[in-house]
Amino acid sequence: MAHSHGHTPAAWTGVIIAFVGFCVGSVFTVMAKPAGVIAGLVLLAVAAVVGGIMSAAGLGQKKSKGLTAEQARAHREAHQARHPERRDGEQRTHAQAHS
């Protein structure tokens, strides 16, 4: 399964609310108005809560437990195709294989 890299309704909503919170907090910091700064911080907390609730409701990225058996097989075959000299069974770490 391809990862969406955060392109989900939960992520977008959380980021937009957080952005507004940062903007509000920044403006009121410059204006030296503590109540506005606190409002911005509250919006940041709201962003985390709303994003978390939306994610729990199924609007976030699906959790992955690593590669499926088919993905692991495809990765192994692609790696062997790129490095045919390593088919002799020589064991290397994954990082060494990709260096």
PDB file of N, CA and C in Angstrom:
ATOM      1  N   MET A   1       0.846  -1.181   0.000  1.00  0.00           N
ATOM      2  CA  MET A   1       0.000   0.000   0.000  1.00  0.00           C
ATOM      3  C   MET A   1       0.884   1.234   0.000  1.00  0.00           C
ATOM      4  N   ALA A   2       0.624   2.120  -0.892  1.00  0.00           N
ATOM      5  CA  ALA A   2       1.393   3.359  -0.969  1.00  0.00           C
ATOM      6  C   ALA A   2       0.950   4.301   0.150  1.00  0.00           C
ATOM      7  N   HIS A   3       1.910   4.953   0.745  1.00  0.00           N
ATOM      8  CA  HIS A   3       1.586   5.902   1.805  1.00  0.00           C
ATOM      9  C   HIS A   3       1.136   7.217   1.191  1.00  0.00           C
ATOM     10  N   SER A   4       0.221   7.882   1.867  1.00  0.00           N
ATOM     11  CA  SER A   4      -0.324   9.124   1.332  1.00  0.00           C
ATOM     12  C   SER A   4       0.502  10.336   1.734  1.00  0.00           C
ATOM     13  N   HIS A   5       1.506  10.145   2.581  1.00  0.00           N
ATOM     14  CA  HIS A   5       2.373  11.234   3.026  1.00  0.00           C
ATOM     15  C   HIS A   5       1.578  12.387   3.636  1.00  0.00           C
ATOM     16  N   GLY A   6       0.523  12.058   4.344  1.00  0.00           N
ATOM     17  CA  GLY A   6      -0.239  13.082   5.047  1.00  0.00           C
ATOM     18  C   GLY A   6      -1.324  13.747   4.240  1.00  0.00           C
ATOM     19  N   HIS A   7      -1.582  13.285   3.033  1.00  0.00           N
ATOM     20  CA  HIS A   7      -2.623  13.891   2.207  1.00  0.00           C
ATOM     21  C   HIS A   7      -3.970  13.252   2.544  1.00  0.00           C
ATOM     22  N   THR A   8      -4.426  13.495   3.759  1.00  0.00           N
ATOM     23  CA  THR A   8      -5.697  12.954   4.230  1.00  0.00           C
ATOM     24  C   THR A   8      -6.526  14.093   4.807  1.00  0.00           C
ATOM     25  N   PRO A   9      -7.841  13.916   4.891  1.00  0.00           N
ATOM     26  CA  PRO A   9      -8.668  14.967   5.491  1.00  0.00           C
ATOM     27  C   PRO A   9      -8.238  15.308   6.928  1.00  0.00           C
ATOM     28  N   ALA A  10      -7.871  14.306   7.707  1.00  0.00           N
ATOM     29  CA  ALA A  10      -7.451  14.565   9.089  1.00  0.00           C
ATOM     30  C   ALA A  10      -6.184  15.417   9.131  1.00  0.00           C
ATOM     31  N   ALA A  11      -5.224  15.089   8.289  1.00  0.00           N
ATOM     32  CA  ALA A  11      -3.965  15.841   8.277  1.00  0.00           C
ATOM     33  C   ALA A  11      -4.182  17.274   7.798  1.00  0.00           C
ATOM     34  N   TRP A  12      -4.927  17.425   6.710  1.00  0.00           N
ATOM     35  CA  TRP A  12      -5.157  18.772   6.185  1.00  0.00           C
ATOM     36  C   TRP A  12      -5.904  19.638   7.190  1.00  0.00           C
ATOM     37  N   THR A  13      -6.922  19.080   7.811  1.00  0.00           N
ATOM     38  CA  THR A  13      -7.698  19.856   8.786  1.00  0.00           C
ATOM     39  C   THR A  13      -6.823  20.273   9.958  1.00  0.00           C
ATOM     40  N   GLY A  14      -6.057  19.327  10.493  1.00  0.00           N
ATOM     41  CA  GLY A  14      -5.171  19.645  11.613  1.00  0.00           C
ATOM     42  C   GLY A  14      -4.144  20.701  11.263  1.00  0.00           C
ATOM     43  N   VAL A  15      -3.566  20.593  10.074  1.00  0.00           N
ATOM     44  CA  VAL A  15      -2.543  21.557   9.653  1.00  0.00           C
ATOM     45  C   VAL A  15      -3.146  22.945   9.443  1.00  0.00           C
ATOM     46  N   ILE A  16      -4.320  23.007   8.834  1.00  0.00           N
ATOM     47  CA  ILE A  16      -4.953  24.313   8.603  1.00  0.00           C
ATOM     48  C   ILE A  16      -5.289  24.991   9.923  1.00  0.00           C
ATOM     49  N   ILE A  17      -5.856  24.244  10.864  1.00  0.00           N
ATOM     50  CA  ILE A  17      -6.184  24.831  12.175  1.00  0.00           C
ATOM     51  C   ILE A  17      -4.904  25.269  12.884  1.00  0.00           C
ATOM     52  N   ALA A  18      -3.855  24.448  12.824  1.00  0.00           N
ATOM     53  CA  ALA A  18      -2.583  24.799  13.464  1.00  0.00           C
ATOM     54  C   ALA A  18      -1.979  26.049  12.815  1.00  0.00           C
ATOM     55  N   PHE A  19      -2.074  26.150  11.491  1.00  0.00           N
ATOM     56  CA  PHE A  19      -1.553  27.324  10.789  1.00  0.00           C
ATOM     57  C   PHE A  19      -2.264  28.596  11.263  1.00  0.00           C
ATOM     58  N   VAL A  20      -3.580  28.514  11.360  1.00  0.00           N
ATOM     59  CA  VAL A  20      -4.342  29.670  11.851  1.00  0.00           C
ATOM     60  C   VAL A  20      -3.917  29.990  13.288  1.00  0.00           C
ATOM     61  N   GLY A  21      -3.724  28.963  14.106  1.00  0.00           N
ATOM     62  CA  GLY A  21      -3.278  29.184  15.482  1.00  0.00           C
ATOM     63  C   GLY A  21      -1.926  29.872  15.558  1.00  0.00           C
ATOM     64  N   PHE A  22      -0.980  29.432  14.717  1.00  0.00           N
ATOM     65  CA  PHE A  22       0.330  30.085  14.683  1.00  0.00           C
ATOM     66  C   PHE A  22       0.210  31.537  14.228  1.00  0.00           C
ATOM     67  N   CYS A  23      -0.614  31.771  13.226  1.00  0.00           N
ATOM     68  CA  CYS A  23      -0.791  33.148  12.735  1.00  0.00           C
ATOM     69  C   CYS A  23      -1.390  34.044  13.812  1.00  0.00           C
ATOM     70  N   VAL A  24      -2.436  33.553  14.465  1.00  0.00           N
ATOM     71  CA  VAL A  24      -3.082  34.327  15.538  1.00  0.00           C
ATOM     72  C   VAL A  24      -2.081  34.598  16.659  1.00  0.00           C
ATOM     73  N   GLY A  25      -1.398  33.543  17.089  1.00  0.00           N
ATOM     74  CA  GLY A  25      -0.421  33.715  18.165  1.00  0.00           C
ATOM     75  C   GLY A  25       0.690  34.673  17.799  1.00  0.00           C
ATOM     76  N   SER A  26       1.161  34.607  16.560  1.00  0.00           N
ATOM     77  CA  SER A  26       2.241  35.491  16.109  1.00  0.00           C
ATOM     78  C   SER A  26       1.808  36.948  16.079  1.00  0.00           C
ATOM     79  N   VAL A  27       0.635  37.202  15.517  1.00  0.00           N
ATOM     80  CA  VAL A  27       0.141  38.576  15.428  1.00  0.00           C
ATOM     81  C   VAL A  27      -0.027  39.177  16.825  1.00  0.00           C
ATOM     82  N   PHE A  28      -0.625  38.416  17.723  1.00  0.00           N
ATOM     83  CA  PHE A  28      -0.851  38.951  19.064  1.00  0.00           C
ATOM     84  C   PHE A  28       0.431  39.024  19.887  1.00  0.00           C
ATOM     85  N   THR A  29       1.433  38.234  19.531  1.00  0.00           N
ATOM     86  CA  THR A  29       2.733  38.372  20.201  1.00  0.00           C
ATOM     87  C   THR A  29       3.353  39.711  19.841  1.00  0.00           C
ATOM     88  N   VAL A  30       3.299  40.047  18.558  1.00  0.00           N
ATOM     89  CA  VAL A  30       3.853  41.331  18.098  1.00  0.00           C
ATOM     90  C   VAL A  30       3.083  42.495  18.720  1.00  0.00           C
ATOM     91  N   MET A  31       1.761  42.318  18.878  1.00  0.00           N
ATOM     92  CA  MET A  31       0.938  43.377  19.464  1.00  0.00           C
ATOM     93  C   MET A  31       1.005  43.392  20.999  1.00  0.00           C
ATOM     94  N   ALA A  32       1.737  42.451  21.582  1.00  0.00           N
ATOM     95  CA  ALA A  32       1.876  42.339  23.044  1.00  0.00           C
ATOM     96  C   ALA A  32       0.522  42.201  23.737  1.00  0.00           C
ATOM     97  N   LYS A  33      -0.322  41.325  23.199  1.00  0.00           N
ATOM     98  CA  LYS A  33      -1.641  41.055  23.772  1.00  0.00           C
ATOM     99  C   LYS A  33      -1.677  39.595  24.224  1.00  0.00           C
ATOM    100  N   PRO A  34      -1.430  39.344  25.508  1.00  0.00           N
ATOM    101  CA  PRO A  34      -1.358  37.967  26.003  1.00  0.00           C
ATOM    102  C   PRO A  34      -2.627  37.137  25.747  1.00  0.00           C
ATOM    103  N   ALA A  35      -3.798  37.749  25.783  1.00  0.00           N
ATOM    104  CA  ALA A  35      -5.027  36.993  25.556  1.00  0.00           C
ATOM    105  C   ALA A  35      -5.049  36.413  24.139  1.00  0.00           C
ATOM    106  N   GLY A  36      -4.565  37.162  23.168  1.00  0.00           N
ATOM    107  CA  GLY A  36      -4.510  36.681  21.795  1.00  0.00           C
ATOM    108  C   GLY A  36      -3.498  35.562  21.615  1.00  0.00           C
ATOM    109  N   VAL A  37      -2.365  35.680  22.321  1.00  0.00           N
ATOM    110  CA  VAL A  37      -1.348  34.626  22.265  1.00  0.00           C
ATOM    111  C   VAL A  37      -1.929  33.332  22.827  1.00  0.00           C
ATOM    112  N   ILE A  38      -2.650  33.448  23.935  1.00  0.00           N
ATOM    113  CA  ILE A  38      -3.277  32.266  24.541  1.00  0.00           C
ATOM    114  C   ILE A  38      -4.319  31.674  23.586  1.00  0.00           C
ATOM    115  N   ALA A  39      -5.057  32.517  22.893  1.00  0.00           N
ATOM    116  CA  ALA A  39      -6.035  32.029  21.910  1.00  0.00           C
ATOM    117  C   ALA A  39      -5.334  31.249  20.801  1.00  0.00           C
ATOM    118  N   GLY A  40      -4.186  31.726  20.358  1.00  0.00           N
ATOM    119  CA  GLY A  40      -3.414  31.005  19.356  1.00  0.00           C
ATOM    120  C   GLY A  40      -2.956  29.653  19.858  1.00  0.00           C
ATOM    121  N   LEU A  41      -2.511  29.611  21.117  1.00  0.00           N
ATOM    122  CA  LEU A  41      -2.087  28.341  21.706  1.00  0.00           C
ATOM    123  C   LEU A  41      -3.260  27.375  21.854  1.00  0.00           C
ATOM    124  N   VAL A  42      -4.434  27.910  22.189  1.00  0.00           N
ATOM    125  CA  VAL A  42      -5.631  27.068  22.285  1.00  0.00           C
ATOM    126  C   VAL A  42      -5.957  26.480  20.919  1.00  0.00           C
ATOM    127  N   LEU A  43      -5.818  27.267  19.875  1.00  0.00           N
ATOM    128  CA  LEU A  43      -6.062  26.757  18.526  1.00  0.00           C
ATOM    129  C   LEU A  43      -5.080  25.640  18.166  1.00  0.00           C
ATOM    130  N   LEU A  44      -3.852  25.741  18.614  1.00  0.00           N
ATOM    131  CA  LEU A  44      -2.889  24.665  18.368  1.00  0.00           C
ATOM    132  C   LEU A  44      -3.329  23.377  19.047  1.00  0.00           C
ATOM    133  N   ALA A  45      -3.810  23.482  20.262  1.00  0.00           N
ATOM    134  CA  ALA A  45      -4.302  22.304  20.971  1.00  0.00           C
ATOM    135  C   ALA A  45      -5.536  21.738  20.275  1.00  0.00           C
ATOM    136  N   VAL A  46      -6.416  22.623  19.818  1.00  0.00           N
ATOM    137  CA  VAL A  46      -7.619  22.188  19.093  1.00  0.00           C
ATOM    138  C   VAL A  46      -7.212  21.444  17.820  1.00  0.00           C
ATOM    139  N   ALA A  47      -6.188  21.913  17.132  1.00  0.00           N
ATOM    140  CA  ALA A  47      -5.722  21.259  15.908  1.00  0.00           C
ATOM    141  C   ALA A  47      -5.302  19.817  16.190  1.00  0.00           C
ATOM    142  N   ALA A  48      -4.565  19.617  17.269  1.00  0.00           N
ATOM    143  CA  ALA A  48      -4.129  18.266  17.621  1.00  0.00           C
ATOM    144  C   ALA A  48      -5.315  17.370  17.963  1.00  0.00           C
ATOM    145  N   VAL A  49      -6.250  17.905  18.719  1.00  0.00           N
ATOM    146  CA  VAL A  49      -7.418  17.115  19.121  1.00  0.00           C
ATOM    147  C   VAL A  49      -8.287  16.779  17.902  1.00  0.00           C
ATOM    148  N   VAL A  50      -8.581  17.764  17.076  1.00  0.00           N
ATOM    149  CA  VAL A  50      -9.437  17.536  15.905  1.00  0.00           C
ATOM    150  C   VAL A  50      -8.761  16.558  14.933  1.00  0.00           C
ATOM    151  N   GLY A  51      -7.483  16.741  14.676  1.00  0.00           N
ATOM    152  CA  GLY A  51      -6.762  15.819  13.796  1.00  0.00           C
ATOM    153  C   GLY A  51      -6.766  14.401  14.343  1.00  0.00           C
ATOM    154  N   GLY A  52      -6.572  14.264  15.644  1.00  0.00           N
ATOM    155  CA  GLY A  52      -6.587  12.940  16.274  1.00  0.00           C
ATOM    156  C   GLY A  52      -7.954  12.281  16.202  1.00  0.00           C
ATOM    157  N   ILE A  53      -9.001  13.052  16.456  1.00  0.00           N
ATOM    158  CA  ILE A  53     -10.363  12.509  16.394  1.00  0.00           C
ATOM    159  C   ILE A  53     -10.695  12.088  14.956  1.00  0.00           C
ATOM    160  N   MET A  54     -10.356  12.937  13.995  1.00  0.00           N
ATOM    161  CA  MET A  54     -10.639  12.592  12.599  1.00  0.00           C
ATOM    162  C   MET A  54      -9.851  11.359  12.157  1.00  0.00           C
ATOM    163  N   SER A  55      -8.621  11.240  12.612  1.00  0.00           N
ATOM    164  CA  SER A  55      -7.819  10.074  12.280  1.00  0.00           C
ATOM    165  C   SER A  55      -8.425   8.808  12.888  1.00  0.00           C
ATOM    166  N   ALA A  56      -8.860   8.911  14.146  1.00  0.00           N
ATOM    167  CA  ALA A  56      -9.493   7.768  14.809  1.00  0.00           C
ATOM    168  C   ALA A  56     -10.810   7.390  14.132  1.00  0.00           C
ATOM    169  N   ALA A  57     -11.458   8.372  13.510  1.00  0.00           N
ATOM    170  CA  ALA A  57     -12.719   8.110  12.817  1.00  0.00           C
ATOM    171  C   ALA A  57     -12.496   7.517  11.423  1.00  0.00           C
ATOM    172  N   GLY A  58     -11.241   7.299  11.049  1.00  0.00           N
ATOM    173  CA  GLY A  58     -10.950   6.673   9.767  1.00  0.00           C
ATOM    174  C   GLY A  58     -10.618   7.636   8.647  1.00  0.00           C
ATOM    175  N   LEU A  59     -10.427   8.902   8.964  1.00  0.00           N
ATOM    176  CA  LEU A  59     -10.120   9.890   7.934  1.00  0.00           C
ATOM    177  C   LEU A  59      -8.630  10.187   7.830  1.00  0.00           C
ATOM    178  N   GLY A  60      -7.813   9.436   8.557  1.00  0.00           N
ATOM    179  CA  GLY A  60      -6.366   9.625   8.514  1.00  0.00           C
ATOM    180  C   GLY A  60      -5.705   8.525   7.712  1.00  0.00           C
ATOM    181  N   GLN A  61      -4.393   8.508   7.748  1.00  0.00           N
ATOM    182  CA  GLN A  61      -3.638   7.494   7.033  1.00  0.00           C
ATOM    183  C   GLN A  61      -3.788   6.154   7.731  1.00  0.00           C
ATOM    184  N   LYS A  62      -3.967   5.111   6.955  1.00  0.00           N
ATOM    185  CA  LYS A  62      -4.108   3.769   7.512  1.00  0.00           C
ATOM    186  C   LYS A  62      -2.783   3.322   8.089  1.00  0.00           C
ATOM    187  N   LYS A  63      -2.830   2.617   9.198  1.00  0.00           N
ATOM    188  CA  LYS A  63      -1.621   2.120   9.839  1.00  0.00           C
ATOM    189  C   LYS A  63      -1.085   0.930   9.060  1.00  0.00           C
ATOM    190  N   SER A  64       0.217   0.885   8.909  1.00  0.00           N
ATOM    191  CA  SER A  64       0.862  -0.209   8.199  1.00  0.00           C
ATOM    192  C   SER A  64       1.761  -0.952   9.167  1.00  0.00           C
ATOM    193  N   LYS A  65       1.738  -2.253   9.108  1.00  0.00           N
ATOM    194  CA  LYS A  65       2.579  -3.083   9.975  1.00  0.00           C
ATOM    195  C   LYS A  65       3.833  -3.527   9.231  1.00  0.00           C
ATOM    196  N   GLY A  66       4.306  -2.713   8.314  1.00  0.00           N
ATOM    197  CA  GLY A  66       5.478  -3.081   7.535  1.00  0.00           C
ATOM    198  C   GLY A  66       5.066  -3.600   6.174  1.00  0.00           C
ATOM    199  N   LEU A  67       5.970  -4.298   5.517  1.00  0.00           N
ATOM    200  CA  LEU A  67       5.700  -4.810   4.188  1.00  0.00           C
ATOM    201  C   LEU A  67       4.839  -6.063   4.244  1.00  0.00           C
ATOM    202  N   THR A  68       3.933  -6.180   3.287  1.00  0.00           N
ATOM    203  CA  THR A  68       3.199  -7.433   3.148  1.00  0.00           C
ATOM    204  C   THR A  68       4.132  -8.446   2.510  1.00  0.00           C
ATOM    205  N   ALA A  69       3.743  -9.708   2.501  1.00  0.00           N
ATOM    206  CA  ALA A  69       4.581 -10.748   1.912  1.00  0.00           C
ATOM    207  C   ALA A  69       4.834 -10.463   0.435  1.00  0.00           C
ATOM    208  N   GLU A  70       3.819  -9.987  -0.264  1.00  0.00           N
ATOM    209  CA  GLU A  70       3.979  -9.691  -1.688  1.00  0.00           C
ATOM    210  C   GLU A  70       4.911  -8.501  -1.900  1.00  0.00           C
ATOM    211  N   GLN A  71       4.803  -7.470  -1.050  1.00  0.00           N
ATOM    212  CA  GLN A  71       5.692  -6.316  -1.167  1.00  0.00           C
ATOM    213  C   GLN A  71       7.135  -6.721  -0.878  1.00  0.00           C
ATOM    214  N   ALA A  72       7.342  -7.583   0.119  1.00  0.00           N
ATOM    215  CA  ALA A  72       8.686  -8.037   0.454  1.00  0.00           C
ATOM    216  C   ALA A  72       9.282  -8.837  -0.699  1.00  0.00           C
ATOM    217  N   ARG A  73       8.476  -9.696  -1.322  1.00  0.00           N
ATOM    218  CA  ARG A  73       8.938 -10.480  -2.465  1.00  0.00           C
ATOM    219  C   ARG A  73       9.315  -9.562  -3.630  1.00  0.00           C
ATOM    220  N   ALA A  74       8.463  -8.574  -3.912  1.00  0.00           N
ATOM    221  CA  ALA A  74       8.741  -7.642  -5.009  1.00  0.00           C
ATOM    222  C   ALA A  74      10.011  -6.842  -4.729  1.00  0.00           C
ATOM    223  N   HIS A  75      10.206  -6.427  -3.483  1.00  0.00           N
ATOM    224  CA  HIS A  75      11.409  -5.683  -3.114  1.00  0.00           C
ATOM    225  C   HIS A  75      12.645  -6.556  -3.309  1.00  0.00           C
ATOM    226  N   ARG A  76      12.566  -7.802  -2.870  1.00  0.00           N
ATOM    227  CA  ARG A  76      13.684  -8.734  -2.996  1.00  0.00           C
ATOM    228  C   ARG A  76      14.023  -8.969  -4.476  1.00  0.00           C
ATOM    229  N   GLU A  77      12.995  -9.178  -5.309  1.00  0.00           N
ATOM    230  CA  GLU A  77      13.228  -9.407  -6.740  1.00  0.00           C
ATOM    231  C   GLU A  77      13.827  -8.174  -7.411  1.00  0.00           C
ATOM    232  N   ALA A  78      13.330  -6.993  -7.074  1.00  0.00           N
ATOM    233  CA  ALA A  78      13.868  -5.763  -7.656  1.00  0.00           C
ATOM    234  C   ALA A  78      15.323  -5.573  -7.246  1.00  0.00           C
ATOM    235  N   HIS A  79      15.630  -5.889  -5.997  1.00  0.00           N
ATOM    236  CA  HIS A  79      16.993  -5.750  -5.509  1.00  0.00           C
ATOM    237  C   HIS A  79      17.910  -6.724  -6.231  1.00  0.00           C
ATOM    238  N   GLN A  80      17.460  -7.954  -6.422  1.00  0.00           N
ATOM    239  CA  GLN A  80      18.281  -8.943  -7.119  1.00  0.00           C
ATOM    240  C   GLN A  80      18.493  -8.549  -8.579  1.00  0.00           C
ATOM    241  N   ALA A  81      17.504  -7.926  -9.179  1.00  0.00           N
ATOM    242  CA  ALA A  81      17.645  -7.489 -10.569  1.00  0.00           C
ATOM    243  C   ALA A  81      18.685  -6.369 -10.691  1.00  0.00           C
ATOM    244  N   ARG A  82      18.750  -5.499  -9.675  1.00  0.00           N
ATOM    245  CA  ARG A  82      19.718  -4.395  -9.704  1.00  0.00           C
ATOM    246  C   ARG A  82      21.118  -4.860  -9.351  1.00  0.00           C
ATOM    247  N   HIS A  83      21.230  -5.938  -8.571  1.00  0.00           N
ATOM    248  CA  HIS A  83      22.530  -6.418  -8.093  1.00  0.00           C
ATOM    249  C   HIS A  83      22.670  -7.914  -8.373  1.00  0.00           C
ATOM    250  N   PRO A  84      22.790  -8.311  -9.634  1.00  0.00           N
ATOM    251  CA  PRO A  84      22.849  -9.741  -9.947  1.00  0.00           C
ATOM    252  C   PRO A  84      24.107 -10.427  -9.408  1.00  0.00           C
ATOM    253  N   GLU A  85      25.177  -9.675  -9.161  1.00  0.00           N
ATOM    254  CA  GLU A  85      26.416 -10.271  -8.647  1.00  0.00           C
ATOM    255  C   GLU A  85      26.282 -10.755  -7.211  1.00  0.00           C
ATOM    256  N   ARG A  86      25.229 -10.379  -6.510  1.00  0.00           N
ATOM    257  CA  ARG A  86      25.045 -10.740  -5.103  1.00  0.00           C
ATOM    258  C   ARG A  86      24.130 -11.946  -4.912  1.00  0.00           C
ATOM    259  N   ARG A  87      23.838 -12.687  -5.957  1.00  0.00           N
ATOM    260  CA  ARG A  87      22.924 -13.831  -5.840  1.00  0.00           C
ATOM    261  C   ARG A  87      23.593 -15.051  -5.224  1.00  0.00           C
ATOM    262  N   ASP A  88      24.870 -14.955  -4.903  1.00  0.00           N
ATOM    263  CA  ASP A  88      25.583 -16.105  -4.361  1.00  0.00           C
ATOM    264  C   ASP A  88      25.246 -16.366  -2.899  1.00  0.00           C
ATOM    265  N   GLY A  89      24.326 -15.623  -2.346  1.00  0.00           N
ATOM    266  CA  GLY A  89      23.912 -15.859  -0.964  1.00  0.00           C
ATOM    267  C   GLY A  89      24.706 -15.065   0.054  1.00  0.00           C
ATOM    268  N   GLU A  90      25.594 -14.209  -0.388  1.00  0.00           N
ATOM    269  CA  GLU A  90      26.377 -13.400   0.549  1.00  0.00           C
ATOM    270  C   GLU A  90      25.434 -12.531   1.365  1.00  0.00           C
ATOM    271  N   GLN A  91      25.577 -12.578   2.650  1.00  0.00           N
ATOM    272  CA  GLN A  91      24.716 -11.834   3.547  1.00  0.00           C
ATOM    273  C   GLN A  91      25.284 -10.436   3.792  1.00  0.00           C
ATOM    274  N   ARG A  92      24.441  -9.437   3.621  1.00  0.00           N
ATOM    275  CA  ARG A  92      24.817  -8.063   3.925  1.00  0.00           C
ATOM    276  C   ARG A  92      23.639  -7.401   4.616  1.00  0.00           C
ATOM    277  N   THR A  93      23.922  -6.322   5.305  1.00  0.00           N
ATOM    278  CA  THR A  93      22.819  -5.580   5.926  1.00  0.00           C
ATOM    279  C   THR A  93      22.054  -4.839   4.843  1.00  0.00           C
ATOM    280  N   HIS A  94      20.867  -4.425   5.145  1.00  0.00           N
ATOM    281  CA  HIS A  94      20.043  -3.696   4.183  1.00  0.00           C
ATOM    282  C   HIS A  94      20.736  -2.409   3.755  1.00  0.00           C
ATOM    283  N   ALA A  95      21.356  -1.708   4.698  1.00  0.00           N
ATOM    284  CA  ALA A  95      22.061  -0.449   4.368  1.00  0.00           C
ATOM    285  C   ALA A  95      23.232  -0.719   3.431  1.00  0.00           C
ATOM    286  N   GLN A  96      23.944  -1.804   3.666  1.00  0.00           N
ATOM    287  CA  GLN A  96      25.066  -2.144   2.796  1.00  0.00           C
ATOM    288  C   GLN A  96      24.565  -2.484   1.386  1.00  0.00           C
ATOM    289  N   ALA A  97      23.430  -3.126   1.301  1.00  0.00           N
ATOM    290  CA  ALA A  97      22.881  -3.516   0.009  1.00  0.00           C
ATOM    291  C   ALA A  97      22.511  -2.312  -0.837  1.00  0.00           C
ATOM    292  N   HIS A  98      22.158  -1.214  -0.192  1.00  0.00           N
ATOM    293  CA  HIS A  98      21.724  -0.025  -0.923  1.00  0.00           C
ATOM    294  C   HIS A  98      22.800   1.044  -1.014  1.00  0.00           C
ATOM    295  N   SER A  99      24.022   0.723  -0.617  1.00  0.00           N
ATOM    296  CA  SER A  99      25.090   1.724  -0.692  1.00  0.00           C
ATOM    297  C   SER A  99      25.827   1.633  -1.999  1.00  0.00           C
TER     298      SER A  99
END
